[in-house]
Amino acid sequence: MRNKFWALLICIHCLAATMAAQNPAKRQLVLPLSDGGFVAFRSETSASDNKQAVATQSLASLLYSQALAGENRIIHRVLTDADQRVIFGYDLWVNSDPITRKFRLAVLPADEAFRRTFLRDSASRSNDSFATFPKSIAPQTLDDGDAFSLELLVNQQLGVKIVDVVKVTFDRSTLRDNTPENQPRDFSLDAVSLAIKGYQLLIDGKVVARSKSTIGYSGSLLWFYVPERGRFIFSLVPREGYSFQKIGILEGNKIEFVANGEHYEWLSGTEILPNGGAWNLWVLHDSRYTPLFGPEKPMTQEKKSGILRKIEEAVVFENGSLTVRTPNPPDPSKGGALEIPKRVMVGGADSIEHLIPKSP
């Protein structure tokens, strides 16, 4: 069941809480437990094939992590995209014992009542799918400071998986996030974070994508991908070894540039740069980029057989590569209007190497 959900998400695009937390999934999220102690969650993406390693970095930037404390020692764990569309969810029951300094944990499928409540309160529709574990996982006892991992979604064909790492402890200081992106570093322009929230993307004045999300994306680099046009990456500075061109302008809540004779405007609901102002922007056109998630919309309440049939019609996996068939673009010579492209993808990154590996 999990593999079917994962294959589906890859092809077509590819949480009664008393406390809640949310952040990008690649960063650790910590919640206190009612009986004492703490539980930490961090999601990781990995690929068995080195060729997919960079793709997993892009995948990580698309995931957002939530953990909501419910009743009876239950924590509702959910991974979403920036628009709060659910990618995977499950429940974790945790009983901590400060005397023995041990933890008893059980992993459960996402509670149906919580599922309905979360989808009703989020951007998703209440009848949308909610990928979860098919059954409970046997309880286990952990010592103070122990951790375990859960494979949430696995795609055998692409060799890509999303794993949740769960750690429990009574000492909050041991949960300090020592991942490279959270280590002290010298100040540089890469430390200046751009952010896009509640955006609209226009091509030649026509809206081709929009999002009402208040989470958005951030990083020293921003990017968006439009099917049949490729990916555009934005930086405040040039990057040695990469073909950035100074063709863009960042002003207030708008990024504007012209590429291949088309006028692009990317409008954010808030200031893109915290201090505002007008700035020249360096743009890299990554025309060969192929997204890990296909650009289709998320699964609806349509019958699975119909969905799977449509996937088979739209997706081809051949010679180790994934191809999504897209309609032919309109012929300008025949006066065809700009066709609204399939799902636009958006992201942020703190390193260009996470998006495009430097040529040897």
Protein backbone atom coordinates (compact mmCIF):
# COMPACT_ATOMS: atom_id res chain seq x y z
CA MET A 1 0.00 0.00 0.00
CA ARG A 2 2.77 2.44 0.90
CA ASN A 3 4.63 1.78 -2.33
CA LYS A 4 1.44 2.34 -4.34
CA PHE A 5 0.87 5.68 -2.65
CA TRP A 6 4.51 6.67 -3.24
CA ALA A 7 4.40 5.69 -6.91
CA LEU A 8 1.20 7.69 -7.25
CA LEU A 9 2.69 10.76 -5.59
CA ILE A 10 5.84 10.55 -7.69
CA CYS A 11 3.82 10.38 -10.88
CA ILE A 12 1.11 12.95 -10.22
CA HIS A 13 3.16 15.31 -7.93
CA CYS A 14 4.95 14.97 -7.07
CA LEU A 15 -2.35 17.04 10.31
CA ALA A 16 -8.04 18.10 19.45
CA ALA A 17 -4.33 19.43 19.55
CA THR A 18 -3.04 21.17 22.68
CA MET A 19 0.24 22.15 21.03
CA ALA A 20 1.56 22.18 17.49
CA ALA A 21 4.77 22.76 15.57
CA GLN A 22 5.66 23.11 11.93
CA ASN A 23 8.84 23.65 9.90
CA PRO A 24 10.67 22.51 6.78
CA ALA A 25 10.99 18.73 7.05
CA LYS A 26 14.79 18.76 6.73
CA ARG A 27 15.04 20.61 10.08
CA GLN A 28 14.49 18.87 13.39
CA LEU A 29 11.15 19.44 15.12
CA VAL A 30 10.93 18.94 18.92
CA LEU A 31 7.81 18.52 21.08
CA PRO A 32 7.64 18.19 24.90
CA LEU A 33 5.80 15.13 26.27
CA SER A 34 3.02 15.37 28.86
CA ASP A 35 4.76 12.99 31.32
CA GLY A 36 8.19 14.60 30.89
CA GLY A 37 10.85 14.31 28.25
CA PHE A 38 10.93 15.27 24.60
CA VAL A 39 10.42 13.68 21.20
CA ALA A 40 12.18 14.93 18.07
CA PHE A 41 11.28 14.33 14.42
CA ARG A 42 13.43 14.84 11.37
CA SER A 43 12.66 13.67 7.84
CA GLU A 44 15.39 12.52 5.49
CA THR A 45 15.38 11.76 1.80
CA SER A 46 17.79 9.35 0.19
CA ALA A 47 18.47 7.64 -3.12
CA SER A 48 20.18 4.36 -3.87
CA ASP A 49 21.33 5.74 -7.23
CA ASN A 50 23.87 8.57 -7.14
CA LYS A 51 22.16 10.08 -10.17
CA GLN A 52 19.08 10.72 -8.01
CA ALA A 53 21.04 12.28 -5.12
CA VAL A 54 20.53 15.86 -6.30
CA ALA A 55 16.85 15.14 -6.98
CA THR A 56 16.40 14.16 -3.34
CA GLN A 57 17.70 17.59 -2.29
CA SER A 58 14.94 19.18 -4.36
CA LEU A 59 12.46 16.72 -2.86
CA ALA A 60 13.53 17.69 0.68
CA SER A 61 12.88 21.37 -0.08
CA LEU A 62 9.28 20.51 -1.07
CA LEU A 63 8.43 18.82 2.24
CA TYR A 64 7.10 20.51 5.36
CA SER A 65 6.89 18.86 8.76
CA GLN A 66 4.12 19.09 11.33
CA ALA A 67 3.60 17.43 14.70
CA LEU A 68 0.47 18.05 16.76
CA ALA A 69 -0.08 16.76 20.29
CA GLY A 70 -3.44 15.08 20.70
CA GLU A 71 -5.10 13.25 23.58
CA ASN A 72 -3.99 10.11 25.42
CA ARG A 73 -0.27 10.61 24.68
CA ILE A 74 -0.84 10.64 20.93
CA ILE A 75 1.21 12.83 18.59
CA HIS A 76 -0.15 13.34 15.09
CA ARG A 77 2.73 13.43 12.61
CA VAL A 78 2.17 14.85 9.12
CA LEU A 79 4.31 15.73 6.11
CA THR A 80 2.83 18.21 3.63
CA ASP A 81 3.90 20.46 0.81
CA ALA A 82 3.88 24.24 1.23
CA ASP A 83 0.18 24.35 0.29
CA GLN A 84 -0.60 21.87 3.09
CA ARG A 85 -1.46 19.05 0.71
CA VAL A 86 -0.77 15.87 2.67
CA ILE A 87 2.08 13.63 1.54
CA PHE A 88 2.05 11.22 4.50
CA GLY A 89 0.69 11.08 8.04
CA TYR A 90 0.75 8.73 11.03
CA ASP A 91 0.18 8.71 14.81
CA LEU A 92 2.83 8.12 17.45
CA TRP A 93 1.86 7.03 20.98
CA VAL A 94 4.60 7.89 23.50
CA ASN A 95 4.62 7.06 27.22
CA SER A 96 7.62 8.44 29.12
CA ASP A 97 8.71 7.25 32.58
CA PRO A 98 11.00 9.78 34.36
CA ILE A 99 11.79 7.23 37.11
CA THR A 100 13.14 4.47 34.87
CA ARG A 101 14.10 7.04 32.18
CA LYS A 102 12.59 4.86 29.51
CA PHE A 103 10.08 5.48 26.76
CA ARG A 104 7.36 3.20 25.41
CA LEU A 105 6.33 3.97 21.83
CA ALA A 106 3.85 2.62 19.27
CA VAL A 107 3.37 3.71 15.66
CA LEU A 108 -0.26 3.80 14.45
CA PRO A 109 -2.11 4.64 11.24
CA ALA A 110 -3.38 8.22 11.14
CA ASP A 111 -6.58 8.57 13.16
CA GLU A 112 -9.61 8.98 10.90
CA ALA A 113 -11.21 11.74 13.01
CA PHE A 114 -7.93 13.69 13.01
CA ARG A 115 -7.58 13.16 9.27
CA ARG A 116 -10.98 14.72 8.62
CA THR A 117 -10.29 17.62 10.98
CA PHE A 118 -6.88 18.37 9.52
CA LEU A 119 -8.05 18.28 5.92
CA ARG A 120 -11.06 20.44 6.74
CA ASP A 121 -8.82 23.06 8.42
CA SER A 122 -6.10 23.00 5.77
CA ALA A 123 -5.94 23.82 2.08
CA SER A 124 -6.90 20.24 1.23
CA ARG A 125 -10.42 19.05 0.64
CA SER A 126 -11.91 16.82 3.31
CA ASN A 127 -12.29 13.92 0.88
CA ASP A 128 -8.66 13.99 -0.29
CA SER A 129 -6.43 11.00 0.26
CA PHE A 130 -4.27 10.75 3.38
CA ALA A 131 -1.42 8.30 2.87
CA THR A 132 -0.57 6.45 6.10
CA PHE A 133 0.64 3.11 7.42
CA PRO A 134 -1.77 0.25 6.65
CA LYS A 135 -1.56 -1.12 10.21
CA SER A 136 -0.02 -0.49 13.63
CA ILE A 137 3.62 -1.28 14.32
CA ALA A 138 4.35 -3.27 17.46
CA PRO A 139 5.23 -1.16 20.56
CA GLN A 140 8.85 -0.92 21.58
CA THR A 141 10.82 0.38 24.58
CA LEU A 142 13.59 2.93 24.11
CA ASP A 143 16.23 4.18 26.51
CA ASP A 144 16.90 7.86 27.12
CA GLY A 145 18.56 9.27 23.97
CA ASP A 146 17.61 6.38 21.66
CA ALA A 147 16.28 6.90 18.15
CA PHE A 148 14.63 4.81 15.46
CA SER A 149 13.72 5.39 11.82
CA LEU A 150 10.51 4.79 9.86
CA GLU A 151 10.38 4.33 6.11
CA LEU A 152 7.35 6.40 5.14
CA LEU A 153 7.40 6.26 1.36
CA VAL A 154 9.54 4.14 -0.94
CA ASN A 155 9.72 4.07 -4.73
CA GLN A 156 11.57 0.95 -5.80
CA GLN A 157 11.82 1.96 -9.44
CA LEU A 158 13.51 5.30 -8.76
CA GLY A 159 15.36 4.08 -5.68
CA VAL A 160 14.09 7.07 -3.67
CA LYS A 161 12.65 7.03 -0.16
CA ILE A 162 11.48 9.37 2.62
CA VAL A 163 12.43 8.32 6.15
CA ASP A 164 11.32 9.78 9.49
CA VAL A 165 13.94 9.71 12.27
CA VAL A 166 12.36 9.79 15.74
CA LYS A 167 14.43 10.43 18.88
CA VAL A 168 13.36 10.54 22.56
CA THR A 169 15.20 11.99 25.56
CA PHE A 170 14.75 13.68 28.93
CA ASP A 171 17.64 16.07 28.21
CA ARG A 172 16.58 18.77 25.74
CA SER A 173 20.18 19.86 25.15
CA THR A 174 21.01 16.54 23.47
CA LEU A 175 18.53 17.36 20.72
CA ARG A 176 20.61 20.26 19.43
CA ASP A 177 20.44 20.13 15.64
CA ASN A 178 23.98 19.57 14.39
CA THR A 179 23.12 19.33 10.71
CA PRO A 180 25.44 21.41 8.47
CA GLU A 181 22.81 24.04 7.60
CA ASN A 182 22.36 24.83 11.31
CA GLN A 183 26.05 25.16 12.19
CA PRO A 184 27.64 28.60 12.85
CA ARG A 185 29.13 30.07 9.68
CA ASP A 186 30.79 33.24 8.44
CA PHE A 187 28.43 35.90 7.21
CA SER A 188 28.04 36.17 3.44
CA LEU A 189 25.36 37.08 0.93
CA ASP A 190 24.32 33.43 1.06
CA ALA A 191 23.15 34.13 4.61
CA VAL A 192 20.60 36.62 3.23
CA SER A 193 17.39 34.68 2.82
CA LEU A 194 14.83 35.35 0.11
CA ALA A 195 11.26 34.22 0.69
CA ILE A 196 8.21 33.74 -1.52
CA LYS A 197 4.74 33.32 0.02
CA GLY A 198 1.21 33.39 -1.33
CA TYR A 199 2.53 33.85 -4.84
CA GLN A 200 1.27 34.35 -8.38
CA LEU A 201 3.32 33.52 -11.46
CA LEU A 202 2.52 35.33 -14.70
CA ILE A 203 3.87 34.75 -18.21
CA ASP A 204 3.15 37.56 -20.66
CA GLY A 205 0.52 38.86 -18.26
CA LYS A 206 -1.37 35.57 -17.92
CA VAL A 207 -1.54 33.81 -14.53
CA VAL A 208 -0.12 30.30 -14.88
CA ALA A 209 0.21 29.40 -11.19
CA ARG A 210 -0.81 30.70 -7.79
CA SER A 211 -0.63 29.66 -4.15
CA LYS A 212 -2.28 31.05 -1.01
CA SER A 213 0.19 29.33 1.29
CA THR A 214 1.57 31.44 4.14
CA ILE A 215 4.43 28.96 4.65
CA GLY A 216 6.08 29.52 1.31
CA TYR A 217 9.70 28.84 0.40
CA SER A 218 12.94 30.51 1.46
CA GLY A 219 16.70 30.36 0.98
CA SER A 220 19.57 32.28 -0.57
CA LEU A 221 18.25 30.91 -3.86
CA LEU A 222 14.67 30.65 -5.07
CA TRP A 223 13.45 28.69 -8.07
CA PHE A 224 10.37 27.71 -10.01
CA TYR A 225 9.77 25.09 -12.68
CA VAL A 226 7.25 25.42 -15.52
CA PRO A 227 6.64 22.36 -17.72
CA GLU A 228 7.91 22.80 -21.29
CA ARG A 229 9.88 25.88 -20.19
CA GLY A 230 12.26 24.45 -17.61
CA ARG A 231 13.47 25.68 -14.24
CA PHE A 232 14.58 29.23 -13.39
CA ILE A 233 16.90 29.77 -10.39
CA PHE A 234 17.35 33.21 -8.81
CA SER A 235 20.33 34.58 -6.88
CA LEU A 236 21.38 38.02 -5.59
CA VAL A 237 24.95 37.27 -6.68
CA PRO A 238 26.63 35.38 -9.55
CA ARG A 239 27.84 31.87 -8.80
CA GLU A 240 31.25 30.73 -10.00
CA GLY A 241 31.01 27.74 -12.33
CA TYR A 242 27.33 28.35 -13.15
CA SER A 243 25.78 30.23 -16.06
CA PHE A 244 23.81 32.87 -14.18
CA GLN A 245 22.83 35.97 -16.15
CA LYS A 246 22.00 39.39 -14.73
CA ILE A 247 18.61 39.68 -16.44
CA GLY A 248 16.21 39.93 -13.50
CA ILE A 249 14.99 42.63 -11.13
CA LEU A 250 13.84 42.06 -7.56
CA GLU A 251 11.72 44.90 -6.24
CA GLY A 252 9.57 44.64 -3.12
CA ASN A 253 7.33 41.63 -3.62
CA LYS A 254 8.10 41.05 -7.33
CA ILE A 255 10.69 39.21 -9.39
CA GLU A 256 10.64 40.19 -13.06
CA PHE A 257 12.68 39.06 -16.08
CA VAL A 258 12.47 38.17 -19.76
CA ALA A 259 13.62 34.79 -21.13
CA ASN A 260 13.17 33.38 -24.63
CA GLY A 261 11.02 36.34 -25.57
CA GLU A 262 8.55 35.76 -22.70
CA HIS A 263 7.95 38.18 -19.84
CA TYR A 264 7.87 36.53 -16.40
CA GLU A 265 6.49 38.14 -13.22
CA TRP A 266 6.63 36.28 -9.90
CA LEU A 267 4.57 38.10 -7.27
CA SER A 268 4.78 37.28 -3.56
CA GLY A 269 2.19 38.08 -0.92
CA THR A 270 4.98 39.60 1.21
CA GLU A 271 8.36 41.29 0.68
CA ILE A 272 10.76 38.81 -0.94
CA LEU A 273 13.81 40.43 0.68
CA PRO A 274 13.33 41.45 4.34
CA ASN A 275 14.76 44.97 3.89
CA GLY A 276 12.95 45.59 0.61
CA GLY A 277 14.43 47.80 -2.10
CA ALA A 278 15.16 47.21 -5.77
CA TRP A 279 18.00 44.89 -6.75
CA ASN A 280 19.50 43.32 -9.84
CA LEU A 281 18.89 39.60 -9.88
CA TRP A 282 20.96 36.80 -11.40
CA VAL A 283 18.94 34.16 -13.23
CA LEU A 284 19.96 30.66 -14.35
CA HIS A 285 17.75 28.91 -16.89
CA ASP A 286 17.99 25.17 -16.21
CA SER A 287 16.19 23.96 -19.33
CA ARG A 288 17.14 20.29 -18.84
CA TYR A 289 15.69 20.01 -15.33
CA THR A 290 13.30 17.10 -14.83
CA PRO A 291 11.29 17.19 -11.56
CA LEU A 292 11.25 14.22 -9.24
CA PHE A 293 7.51 14.78 -8.80
CA GLY A 294 5.42 14.81 -11.93
CA PRO A 295 3.51 18.04 -12.53
CA GLU A 296 0.01 16.64 -12.25
CA LYS A 297 -2.43 17.60 -9.49
CA PRO A 298 -2.83 15.52 -6.31
CA MET A 299 -5.11 12.49 -6.25
CA THR A 300 -8.83 13.18 -5.90
CA GLN A 301 -11.70 11.00 -4.75
CA GLU A 302 -11.85 9.36 -8.14
CA LYS A 303 -11.77 5.57 -8.24
CA LYS A 304 -8.27 4.17 -7.93
CA SER A 305 -8.67 2.09 -11.07
CA GLY A 306 -9.43 5.26 -13.04
CA ILE A 307 -6.50 7.10 -11.48
CA LEU A 308 -4.08 4.27 -12.19
CA ARG A 309 -5.34 4.05 -15.75
CA LYS A 310 -4.72 7.76 -16.27
CA ILE A 311 -1.23 7.42 -14.81
CA GLU A 312 -0.44 4.60 -17.20
CA GLU A 313 -1.62 6.80 -20.05
CA ALA A 314 0.36 9.84 -18.90
CA VAL A 315 3.56 8.34 -17.50
CA VAL A 316 6.19 6.21 -19.18
CA PHE A 317 9.03 4.53 -17.24
CA GLU A 318 11.54 3.33 -19.79
CA ASN A 319 15.28 2.63 -19.71
CA GLY A 320 15.52 3.88 -16.13
CA SER A 321 13.95 7.29 -16.79
CA LEU A 322 10.55 8.73 -15.89
CA THR A 323 8.69 10.66 -18.60
CA VAL A 324 5.43 12.56 -18.14
CA ARG A 325 3.52 13.15 -21.35
CA THR A 326 2.32 16.73 -21.68
CA PRO A 327 0.04 18.31 -24.27
CA ASN A 328 1.64 19.97 -27.27
CA PRO A 329 2.09 23.74 -26.79
CA PRO A 330 -0.16 26.03 -28.84
CA ASP A 331 1.09 27.13 -32.24
CA PRO A 332 1.61 30.93 -32.10
CA SER A 333 1.36 31.11 -35.90
CA LYS A 334 -2.24 29.87 -35.62
CA GLY A 335 -3.12 32.44 -33.00
CA GLY A 336 -3.29 29.92 -30.20
CA ALA A 337 -3.59 31.39 -26.70
CA LEU A 338 -1.03 30.66 -24.01
CA GLU A 339 -1.95 27.26 -22.58
CA ILE A 340 -1.98 27.05 -18.80
CA PRO A 341 0.86 24.62 -18.05
CA LYS A 342 0.56 21.68 -15.74
CA ARG A 343 1.50 22.03 -12.11
CA VAL A 344 4.25 24.60 -11.57
CA MET A 345 6.81 23.67 -8.91
CA VAL A 346 8.49 26.11 -6.54
CA GLY A 347 11.38 25.79 -4.09
CA GLY A 348 14.20 27.40 -2.16
CA ALA A 349 17.77 26.33 -1.35
CA ASP A 350 20.78 27.53 0.61
CA SER A 351 23.33 26.09 -1.80
CA ILE A 352 23.44 25.96 -5.59
CA GLU A 353 25.17 22.57 -5.33
CA HIS A 354 21.95 21.20 -3.83
CA LEU A 355 20.16 22.16 -7.03
CA ILE A 356 22.77 21.55 -9.72
CA PRO A 357 26.02 19.65 -9.14
CA LYS A 358 29.11 21.48 -10.36
CA SER A 359 30.69 19.94 -13.44
CA PRO A 360 34.01 18.21 -12.74
